[in-house]
Amino acid sequence: MAVESSSVSGRMAELREQKRGAFIPFITAGDPDIETTEQALLALNRAGADIIELGVPYSDPLADGPTIQAASTRALANGTTLDKVINAVSRVSPHITAPIVLFTYYNIIMRRGPEKFCQEIKAAGAAGLLVPDIPLEETGPIREIATAAGLELVLLTTPTTPQPRMEAIAKASQGFVYLVSVTGVTGQRTSMEARVEGLIEQLHQITDKSVAVGFGVSGPEQARQIMAWGSEGVIVGSALVKALGEAPTPKEGLERMEALARSIREAI
């Protein structure tokens, strides 16, 4: 079955053919406000994003470090809701080439109802879904619902995942396999743990799917290092969220974020 380039797996296949690495930025929707989020999605697309992860703000984001937690808190405080996020995606998706993957906690999906949630985000233009707090054993039903709606469910594996489980995750993941580079929560790190190279190699031995590394990537140097280790993609979150959300004004935040995004895109 041919995959369309507007799908996550289609984009990864395209990049592999072109021998290019995937730049996958992450931002939190609604930080500093939903209008700026729309501008940020356009800016990331301009800066060369291949796929964009958009985080739905949540009050108890277990996988996120302090930067993204703070962004979620700001977004919720200014009234960002799931409906506002979906509307923003709907307005922006026709104007960008990068497929959008929604990063959301399971409780948000359950509150809306999985079928309705998946249908609504697909109708808005999302291409994929990433749910960090669902264990592999419980992903079956949501994957079926997502697939029926035309979405791909990306799964995460970590440095502490045992080999048999890593194999099962790689087999079940759609779009690409998300390799968490460090144990713990997201955030910027100054040096990548060298064992990431071994984990990338391990994944390549068990799957022919593309691997993208995230959690703790803060700039061009680390992105370059990850690509040198054989990854097909780099996911950057906290550094971009910080640049965007902690600037004195939204305009300055957008400029800082786009400049950082361009420097990372050039590095990979």
C-alpha atoms as a PDB file:
ATOM      1  CA  MET A   1       0.000   0.000   0.000  1.00  0.00           C
ATOM      2  CA  ALA A   2       1.455   3.367  -0.982  1.00  0.00           C
ATOM      3  CA  VAL A   3       1.744   5.911   1.802  1.00  0.00           C
ATOM      4  CA  GLU A   4       0.941   9.538   1.168  1.00  0.00           C
ATOM      5  CA  SER A   5       3.674  12.052   1.954  1.00  0.00           C
ATOM      6  CA  SER A   6       1.237  13.941   4.178  1.00  0.00           C
ATOM      7  CA  SER A   7       1.243  10.925   6.521  1.00  0.00           C
ATOM      8  CA  VAL A   8       3.988  10.564   9.115  1.00  0.00           C
ATOM      9  CA  SER A   9       5.329   7.323   7.620  1.00  0.00           C
ATOM     10  CA  GLY A  10       5.079   8.843   4.141  1.00  0.00           C
ATOM     11  CA  ARG A  11       7.198  11.804   5.177  1.00  0.00           C
ATOM     12  CA  MET A  12       9.789   9.538   6.862  1.00  0.00           C
ATOM     13  CA  ALA A  13       9.962   7.332   3.740  1.00  0.00           C
ATOM     14  CA  GLU A  14      10.420  10.409   1.541  1.00  0.00           C
ATOM     15  CA  LEU A  15      13.285  11.655   3.721  1.00  0.00           C
ATOM     16  CA  ARG A  16      14.940   8.244   3.725  1.00  0.00           C
ATOM     17  CA  GLU A  17      14.853   8.202  -0.081  1.00  0.00           C
ATOM     18  CA  GLN A  18      16.409  11.678  -0.118  1.00  0.00           C
ATOM     19  CA  LYS A  19      18.976  10.563   2.507  1.00  0.00           C
ATOM     20  CA  ARG A  20      17.912  13.446   4.742  1.00  0.00           C
ATOM     21  CA  GLY A  21      17.334  13.411   8.474  1.00  0.00           C
ATOM     22  CA  ALA A  22      13.950  14.366   9.907  1.00  0.00           C
ATOM     23  CA  PHE A  23      13.719  17.526  11.993  1.00  0.00           C
ATOM     24  CA  ILE A  24      10.771  17.092  14.368  1.00  0.00           C
ATOM     25  CA  PRO A  25      10.156  20.138  16.583  1.00  0.00           C
ATOM     26  CA  PHE A  26       7.727  20.118  19.524  1.00  0.00           C
ATOM     27  CA  ILE A  27       5.816  23.060  20.990  1.00  0.00           C
ATOM     28  CA  THR A  28       3.045  23.319  23.577  1.00  0.00           C
ATOM     29  CA  ALA A  29      -0.269  24.601  22.222  1.00  0.00           C
ATOM     30  CA  GLY A  30      -1.490  27.795  23.887  1.00  0.00           C
ATOM     31  CA  ASP A  31       1.857  29.025  25.186  1.00  0.00           C
ATOM     32  CA  PRO A  32       2.075  31.991  25.334  1.00  0.00           C
ATOM     33  CA  ASP A  33      -1.371  32.028  23.631  1.00  0.00           C
ATOM     34  CA  ILE A  34      -3.208  30.105  20.918  1.00  0.00           C
ATOM     35  CA  GLU A  35      -2.704  32.827  18.264  1.00  0.00           C
ATOM     36  CA  THR A  36       1.062  32.626  18.798  1.00  0.00           C
ATOM     37  CA  THR A  37       0.839  28.824  18.516  1.00  0.00           C
ATOM     38  CA  GLU A  38      -0.649  29.220  15.044  1.00  0.00           C
ATOM     39  CA  GLN A  39       2.163  31.605  14.068  1.00  0.00           C
ATOM     40  CA  ALA A  40       4.718  29.201  15.584  1.00  0.00           C
ATOM     41  CA  LEU A  41       3.443  26.263  13.508  1.00  0.00           C
ATOM     42  CA  LEU A  42       3.818  28.367  10.353  1.00  0.00           C
ATOM     43  CA  ALA A  43       7.300  29.502  11.471  1.00  0.00           C
ATOM     44  CA  LEU A  44       8.473  25.938  12.203  1.00  0.00           C
ATOM     45  CA  ASN A  45       7.233  24.823   8.797  1.00  0.00           C
ATOM     46  CA  ARG A  46       9.142  27.742   7.212  1.00  0.00           C
ATOM     47  CA  ALA A  47      12.247  26.799   9.188  1.00  0.00           C
ATOM     48  CA  GLY A  48      12.254  23.345   7.602  1.00  0.00           C
ATOM     49  CA  ALA A  49      10.338  21.139  10.045  1.00  0.00           C
ATOM     50  CA  ASP A  50       9.577  17.752   8.486  1.00  0.00           C
ATOM     51  CA  ILE A  51       6.984  16.733  11.087  1.00  0.00           C
ATOM     52  CA  ILE A  52       5.657  18.911  13.935  1.00  0.00           C
ATOM     53  CA  GLU A  53       4.667  17.610  17.358  1.00  0.00           C
ATOM     54  CA  LEU A  54       2.042  19.758  19.048  1.00  0.00           C
ATOM     55  CA  GLY A  55       1.518  19.207  22.769  1.00  0.00           C
ATOM     56  CA  VAL A  56      -1.990  19.484  24.202  1.00  0.00           C
ATOM     57  CA  PRO A  57      -1.566  21.188  27.606  1.00  0.00           C
ATOM     58  CA  TYR A  58      -2.370  18.965  30.581  1.00  0.00           C
ATOM     59  CA  SER A  59      -2.411  19.605  34.314  1.00  0.00           C
ATOM     60  CA  ASP A  60      -0.293  16.568  35.246  1.00  0.00           C
ATOM     61  CA  PRO A  61       2.204  15.986  32.417  1.00  0.00           C
ATOM     62  CA  LEU A  62       4.207  13.042  33.821  1.00  0.00           C
ATOM     63  CA  ALA A  63       6.694  12.722  30.951  1.00  0.00           C
ATOM     64  CA  ASP A  64       7.530  16.413  30.759  1.00  0.00           C
ATOM     65  CA  GLY A  65      10.341  18.291  32.443  1.00  0.00           C
ATOM     66  CA  PRO A  66      10.043  21.724  34.080  1.00  0.00           C
ATOM     67  CA  THR A  67      10.148  23.774  30.849  1.00  0.00           C
ATOM     68  CA  ILE A  68       7.233  21.980  29.184  1.00  0.00           C
ATOM     69  CA  GLN A  69       5.336  21.658  32.476  1.00  0.00           C
ATOM     70  CA  ALA A  70       5.603  25.440  32.900  1.00  0.00           C
ATOM     71  CA  ALA A  71       4.411  25.928  29.304  1.00  0.00           C
ATOM     72  CA  SER A  72       1.409  23.662  29.987  1.00  0.00           C
ATOM     73  CA  THR A  73       0.603  25.608  33.157  1.00  0.00           C
ATOM     74  CA  ARG A  74       0.755  28.938  31.272  1.00  0.00           C
ATOM     75  CA  ALA A  75      -1.398  27.555  28.450  1.00  0.00           C
ATOM     76  CA  LEU A  76      -4.070  26.232  30.821  1.00  0.00           C
ATOM     77  CA  ALA A  77      -4.015  29.476  32.816  1.00  0.00           C
ATOM     78  CA  ASN A  78      -4.779  31.503  29.694  1.00  0.00           C
ATOM     79  CA  GLY A  79      -7.774  29.321  28.864  1.00  0.00           C
ATOM     80  CA  THR A  80      -6.344  26.895  26.291  1.00  0.00           C
ATOM     81  CA  THR A  81      -8.742  23.986  25.769  1.00  0.00           C
ATOM     82  CA  LEU A  82      -8.714  20.924  23.524  1.00  0.00           C
ATOM     83  CA  ASP A  83     -11.277  22.614  21.259  1.00  0.00           C
ATOM     84  CA  LYS A  84      -9.024  25.656  20.866  1.00  0.00           C
ATOM     85  CA  VAL A  85      -6.073  23.389  19.992  1.00  0.00           C
ATOM     86  CA  ILE A  86      -8.148  21.491  17.414  1.00  0.00           C
ATOM     87  CA  ASN A  87      -9.370  24.777  15.898  1.00  0.00           C
ATOM     88  CA  ALA A  88      -5.783  26.064  15.670  1.00  0.00           C
ATOM     89  CA  VAL A  89      -4.689  22.887  13.846  1.00  0.00           C
ATOM     90  CA  SER A  90      -7.679  23.231  11.536  1.00  0.00           C
ATOM     91  CA  ARG A  91      -6.736  26.820  10.645  1.00  0.00           C
ATOM     92  CA  VAL A  92      -3.029  26.146  10.113  1.00  0.00           C
ATOM     93  CA  SER A  93      -2.833  22.651   8.593  1.00  0.00           C
ATOM     94  CA  PRO A  94      -3.895  23.719   5.065  1.00  0.00           C
ATOM     95  CA  HIS A  95      -0.957  26.161   4.986  1.00  0.00           C
ATOM     96  CA  ILE A  96       1.882  23.861   6.059  1.00  0.00           C
ATOM     97  CA  THR A  97       3.581  20.843   4.506  1.00  0.00           C
ATOM     98  CA  ALA A  98       4.782  19.235   7.758  1.00  0.00           C
ATOM     99  CA  PRO A  99       2.408  16.551   9.096  1.00  0.00           C
ATOM    100  CA  ILE A 100       1.209  17.389  12.631  1.00  0.00           C
ATOM    101  CA  VAL A 101       1.413  14.785  15.403  1.00  0.00           C
ATOM    102  CA  LEU A 102      -0.635  15.586  18.500  1.00  0.00           C
ATOM    103  CA  PHE A 103       1.185  14.776  21.763  1.00  0.00           C
ATOM    104  CA  THR A 104      -1.445  14.228  24.424  1.00  0.00           C
ATOM    105  CA  TYR A 105      -2.031  12.389  27.674  1.00  0.00           C
ATOM    106  CA  TYR A 106      -4.608   9.594  27.731  1.00  0.00           C
ATOM    107  CA  ASN A 107      -6.968  11.322  30.151  1.00  0.00           C
ATOM    108  CA  ILE A 108      -7.630  14.057  27.568  1.00  0.00           C
ATOM    109  CA  ILE A 109      -8.550  11.404  24.982  1.00  0.00           C
ATOM    110  CA  MET A 110     -10.806   9.557  27.441  1.00  0.00           C
ATOM    111  CA  ARG A 111     -12.658  12.717  28.442  1.00  0.00           C
ATOM    112  CA  ARG A 112     -13.553  13.425  24.803  1.00  0.00           C
ATOM    113  CA  GLY A 113     -14.075   9.750  23.922  1.00  0.00           C
ATOM    114  CA  PRO A 114     -11.380   8.008  21.807  1.00  0.00           C
ATOM    115  CA  GLU A 115     -13.466   7.766  18.607  1.00  0.00           C
ATOM    116  CA  LYS A 116     -14.621  11.367  18.742  1.00  0.00           C
ATOM    117  CA  PHE A 117     -11.132  12.587  19.690  1.00  0.00           C
ATOM    118  CA  CYS A 118      -9.443  10.787  16.779  1.00  0.00           C
ATOM    119  CA  GLN A 119     -12.099  11.798  14.257  1.00  0.00           C
ATOM    120  CA  GLU A 120     -11.963  15.453  15.325  1.00  0.00           C
ATOM    121  CA  ILE A 121      -8.173  15.796  15.217  1.00  0.00           C
ATOM    122  CA  LYS A 122      -8.011  14.002  11.854  1.00  0.00           C
ATOM    123  CA  ALA A 123     -10.724  16.287  10.440  1.00  0.00           C
ATOM    124  CA  ALA A 124      -8.676  19.265  11.666  1.00  0.00           C
ATOM    125  CA  GLY A 125      -5.653  18.030   9.709  1.00  0.00           C
ATOM    126  CA  ALA A 126      -3.558  16.064  12.226  1.00  0.00           C
ATOM    127  CA  ALA A 127      -1.659  13.070  10.840  1.00  0.00           C
ATOM    128  CA  GLY A 128      -0.564  11.274  13.997  1.00  0.00           C
ATOM    129  CA  LEU A 129      -0.925  10.777  17.703  1.00  0.00           C
ATOM    130  CA  LEU A 130       1.589  10.282  20.514  1.00  0.00           C
ATOM    131  CA  VAL A 131       0.311   9.280  23.968  1.00  0.00           C
ATOM    132  CA  PRO A 132       3.226   8.978  26.430  1.00  0.00           C
ATOM    133  CA  ASP A 133       1.286   7.511  29.353  1.00  0.00           C
ATOM    134  CA  ILE A 134      -0.280   4.464  27.665  1.00  0.00           C
ATOM    135  CA  PRO A 135       1.690   1.251  28.297  1.00  0.00           C
ATOM    136  CA  LEU A 136       2.229  -0.957  25.232  1.00  0.00           C
ATOM    137  CA  GLU A 137      -0.261  -3.569  26.500  1.00  0.00           C
ATOM    138  CA  GLU A 138      -3.070  -1.005  26.441  1.00  0.00           C
ATOM    139  CA  THR A 139      -2.348   0.579  23.042  1.00  0.00           C
ATOM    140  CA  GLY A 140      -4.378  -1.924  20.968  1.00  0.00           C
ATOM    141  CA  PRO A 141      -7.813  -0.271  21.202  1.00  0.00           C
ATOM    142  CA  ILE A 142      -6.556   3.296  20.688  1.00  0.00           C
ATOM    143  CA  ARG A 143      -4.394   2.169  17.744  1.00  0.00           C
ATOM    144  CA  GLU A 144      -7.423   0.558  16.083  1.00  0.00           C
ATOM    145  CA  ILE A 145      -9.510   3.682  16.624  1.00  0.00           C
ATOM    146  CA  ALA A 146      -6.688   5.965  15.409  1.00  0.00           C
ATOM    147  CA  THR A 147      -6.066   3.791  12.334  1.00  0.00           C
ATOM    148  CA  ALA A 148      -9.780   3.784  11.497  1.00  0.00           C
ATOM    149  CA  ALA A 149      -9.690   7.591  11.643  1.00  0.00           C
ATOM    150  CA  GLY A 150      -6.608   7.737   9.393  1.00  0.00           C
ATOM    151  CA  LEU A 151      -4.074   8.583  12.123  1.00  0.00           C
ATOM    152  CA  GLU A 152      -0.753   6.914  12.932  1.00  0.00           C
ATOM    153  CA  LEU A 153       0.066   6.102  16.572  1.00  0.00           C
ATOM    154  CA  VAL A 154       3.745   6.702  17.377  1.00  0.00           C
ATOM    155  CA  LEU A 155       5.136   4.721  20.333  1.00  0.00           C
ATOM    156  CA  LEU A 156       8.090   5.458  22.611  1.00  0.00           C
ATOM    157  CA  THR A 157      10.919   3.234  23.795  1.00  0.00           C
ATOM    158  CA  THR A 158      13.491   4.148  26.469  1.00  0.00           C
ATOM    159  CA  PRO A 159      17.048   3.250  27.539  1.00  0.00           C
ATOM    160  CA  THR A 160      15.631   0.923  30.216  1.00  0.00           C
ATOM    161  CA  THR A 161      13.194  -0.925  27.918  1.00  0.00           C
ATOM    162  CA  PRO A 162      14.113  -4.656  27.823  1.00  0.00           C
ATOM    163  CA  GLN A 163      14.936  -6.039  24.354  1.00  0.00           C
ATOM    164  CA  PRO A 164      11.770  -8.191  23.899  1.00  0.00           C
ATOM    165  CA  ARG A 165       9.573  -5.239  24.855  1.00  0.00           C
ATOM    166  CA  MET A 166      11.555  -2.901  22.583  1.00  0.00           C
ATOM    167  CA  GLU A 167      10.905  -5.324  19.716  1.00  0.00           C
ATOM    168  CA  ALA A 168       7.156  -5.333  20.457  1.00  0.00           C
ATOM    169  CA  ILE A 169       7.072  -1.509  20.643  1.00  0.00           C
ATOM    170  CA  ALA A 170       9.013  -1.164  17.373  1.00  0.00           C
ATOM    171  CA  LYS A 171       6.630  -3.599  15.672  1.00  0.00           C
ATOM    172  CA  ALA A 172       3.508  -1.787  16.934  1.00  0.00           C
ATOM    173  CA  SER A 173       4.708   1.803  16.413  1.00  0.00           C
ATOM    174  CA  GLN A 174       3.477   3.630  13.329  1.00  0.00           C
ATOM    175  CA  GLY A 175       5.216   6.464  11.473  1.00  0.00           C
ATOM    176  CA  PHE A 176       8.531   6.026  13.261  1.00  0.00           C
ATOM    177  CA  VAL A 177       9.902   4.682  16.541  1.00  0.00           C
ATOM    178  CA  TYR A 178      10.434   7.427  19.140  1.00  0.00           C
ATOM    179  CA  LEU A 179      13.606   6.688  21.100  1.00  0.00           C
ATOM    180  CA  VAL A 180      13.728   8.513  24.420  1.00  0.00           C
ATOM    181  CA  SER A 181      17.422   9.345  24.797  1.00  0.00           C
ATOM    182  CA  VAL A 182      17.529   9.557  28.593  1.00  0.00           C
ATOM    183  CA  THR A 183      15.635   8.085  31.501  1.00  0.00           C
ATOM    184  CA  GLY A 184      13.320  10.504  33.270  1.00  0.00           C
ATOM    185  CA  VAL A 185      11.474  13.525  31.943  1.00  0.00           C
ATOM    186  CA  THR A 186      11.992  15.793  28.949  1.00  0.00           C
ATOM    187  CA  GLY A 187      14.377  18.719  29.116  1.00  0.00           C
ATOM    188  CA  GLN A 188      17.568  20.185  27.759  1.00  0.00           C
ATOM    189  CA  ARG A 189      20.823  18.307  28.335  1.00  0.00           C
ATOM    190  CA  THR A 190      24.274  19.622  27.548  1.00  0.00           C
ATOM    191  CA  SER A 191      25.717  16.270  26.486  1.00  0.00           C
ATOM    192  CA  MET A 192      23.894  13.291  25.047  1.00  0.00           C
ATOM    193  CA  GLU A 193      24.460   9.968  26.736  1.00  0.00           C
ATOM    194  CA  ALA A 194      26.777   7.956  24.507  1.00  0.00           C
ATOM    195  CA  ARG A 195      24.664   4.817  24.947  1.00  0.00           C
ATOM    196  CA  VAL A 196      22.090   6.407  22.644  1.00  0.00           C
ATOM    197  CA  GLU A 197      24.272   5.234  19.745  1.00  0.00           C
ATOM    198  CA  GLY A 198      23.969   1.645  20.974  1.00  0.00           C
ATOM    199  CA  LEU A 199      20.199   1.978  21.339  1.00  0.00           C
ATOM    200  CA  ILE A 200      19.824   3.323  17.791  1.00  0.00           C
ATOM    201  CA  GLU A 201      21.882   0.377  16.525  1.00  0.00           C
ATOM    202  CA  GLN A 202      19.766  -2.042  18.570  1.00  0.00           C
ATOM    203  CA  LEU A 203      16.563  -0.644  17.077  1.00  0.00           C
ATOM    204  CA  HIS A 204      17.950  -0.859  13.553  1.00  0.00           C
ATOM    205  CA  GLN A 205      18.673  -4.546  14.133  1.00  0.00           C
ATOM    206  CA  ILE A 206      15.060  -5.248  15.102  1.00  0.00           C
ATOM    207  CA  THR A 207      13.086  -2.955  12.779  1.00  0.00           C
ATOM    208  CA  ASP A 208      13.370  -1.315   9.383  1.00  0.00           C
ATOM    209  CA  LYS A 209      11.209   1.577  10.596  1.00  0.00           C
ATOM    210  CA  SER A 210      12.816   4.979  10.987  1.00  0.00           C
ATOM    211  CA  VAL A 211      14.061   5.943  14.448  1.00  0.00           C
ATOM    212  CA  ALA A 212      13.815   9.483  15.839  1.00  0.00           C
ATOM    213  CA  VAL A 213      15.571  10.496  19.057  1.00  0.00           C
ATOM    214  CA  GLY A 214      14.088  12.958  21.518  1.00  0.00           C
ATOM    215  CA  PHE A 215      14.088  14.111  25.169  1.00  0.00           C
ATOM    216  CA  GLY A 216      17.071  16.251  26.055  1.00  0.00           C
ATOM    217  CA  VAL A 217      18.078  17.617  22.624  1.00  0.00           C
ATOM    218  CA  SER A 218      18.813  21.298  23.103  1.00  0.00           C
ATOM    219  CA  GLY A 219      20.688  22.533  20.044  1.00  0.00           C
ATOM    220  CA  PRO A 220      22.466  21.947  16.728  1.00  0.00           C
ATOM    221  CA  GLU A 221      25.497  20.141  18.202  1.00  0.00           C
ATOM    222  CA  GLN A 222      23.423  17.430  19.841  1.00  0.00           C
ATOM    223  CA  ALA A 223      21.232  17.102  16.762  1.00  0.00           C
ATOM    224  CA  ARG A 224      24.340  16.612  14.626  1.00  0.00           C
ATOM    225  CA  GLN A 225      25.676  14.013  17.065  1.00  0.00           C
ATOM    226  CA  ILE A 226      22.426  12.020  17.026  1.00  0.00           C
ATOM    227  CA  MET A 227      22.403  11.950  13.222  1.00  0.00           C
ATOM    228  CA  ALA A 228      26.041  10.819  13.220  1.00  0.00           C
ATOM    229  CA  TRP A 229      24.984   7.916  15.451  1.00  0.00           C
ATOM    230  CA  GLY A 230      22.626   6.720  12.716  1.00  0.00           C
ATOM    231  CA  SER A 231      19.240   8.096  13.759  1.00  0.00           C
ATOM    232  CA  GLU A 232      16.771   8.989  11.008  1.00  0.00           C
ATOM    233  CA  GLY A 233      15.384  11.931  12.950  1.00  0.00           C
ATOM    234  CA  VAL A 234      15.787  14.341  15.851  1.00  0.00           C
ATOM    235  CA  ILE A 235      12.968  15.588  18.092  1.00  0.00           C
ATOM    236  CA  VAL A 236      13.513  18.934  19.828  1.00  0.00           C
ATOM    237  CA  GLY A 237      11.072  20.221  22.432  1.00  0.00           C
ATOM    238  CA  SER A 238      12.156  22.028  25.591  1.00  0.00           C
ATOM    239  CA  ALA A 239      14.699  24.319  23.901  1.00  0.00           C
ATOM    240  CA  LEU A 240      12.095  25.571  21.397  1.00  0.00           C
ATOM    241  CA  VAL A 241       9.356  25.823  24.045  1.00  0.00           C
ATOM    242  CA  LYS A 242      11.713  27.889  26.212  1.00  0.00           C
ATOM    243  CA  ALA A 243      12.672  30.188  23.318  1.00  0.00           C
ATOM    244  CA  LEU A 244       9.016  30.751  22.439  1.00  0.00           C
ATOM    245  CA  GLY A 245       7.322  30.884  25.821  1.00  0.00           C
ATOM    246  CA  GLU A 246       9.874  32.637  27.999  1.00  0.00           C
ATOM    247  CA  ALA A 247      10.616  35.592  25.710  1.00  0.00           C
ATOM    248  CA  PRO A 248       9.508  39.107  26.775  1.00  0.00           C
ATOM    249  CA  THR A 249       6.962  39.294  23.921  1.00  0.00           C
ATOM    250  CA  PRO A 250       5.302  36.731  21.613  1.00  0.00           C
ATOM    251  CA  LYS A 251       6.962  38.395  18.592  1.00  0.00           C
ATOM    252  CA  GLU A 252      10.417  38.015  20.125  1.00  0.00           C
ATOM    253  CA  GLY A 253       9.582  34.451  21.144  1.00  0.00           C
ATOM    254  CA  LEU A 254       8.629  33.556  17.583  1.00  0.00           C
ATOM    255  CA  GLU A 255      11.864  35.076  16.250  1.00  0.00           C
ATOM    256  CA  ARG A 256      14.024  33.226  18.799  1.00  0.00           C
ATOM    257  CA  MET A 257      12.232  29.933  18.196  1.00  0.00           C
ATOM    258  CA  GLU A 258      12.475  30.185  14.413  1.00  0.00           C
ATOM    259  CA  ALA A 259      16.190  31.061  14.551  1.00  0.00           C
ATOM    260  CA  LEU A 260      16.903  28.067  16.810  1.00  0.00           C
ATOM    261  CA  ALA A 261      14.774  25.790  14.606  1.00  0.00           C
ATOM    262  CA  ARG A 262      16.694  26.884  11.494  1.00  0.00           C
ATOM    263  CA  SER A 263      20.057  26.240  13.176  1.00  0.00           C
ATOM    264  CA  ILE A 264      18.973  22.716  14.149  1.00  0.00           C
ATOM    265  CA  ARG A 265      17.522  21.994  10.698  1.00  0.00           C
ATOM    266  CA  GLU A 266      20.850  23.015   9.136  1.00  0.00           C
ATOM    267  CA  ALA A 267      22.753  20.721  11.515  1.00  0.00           C
ATOM    268  CA  ILE A 268      20.882  17.613  10.409  1.00  0.00           C
END
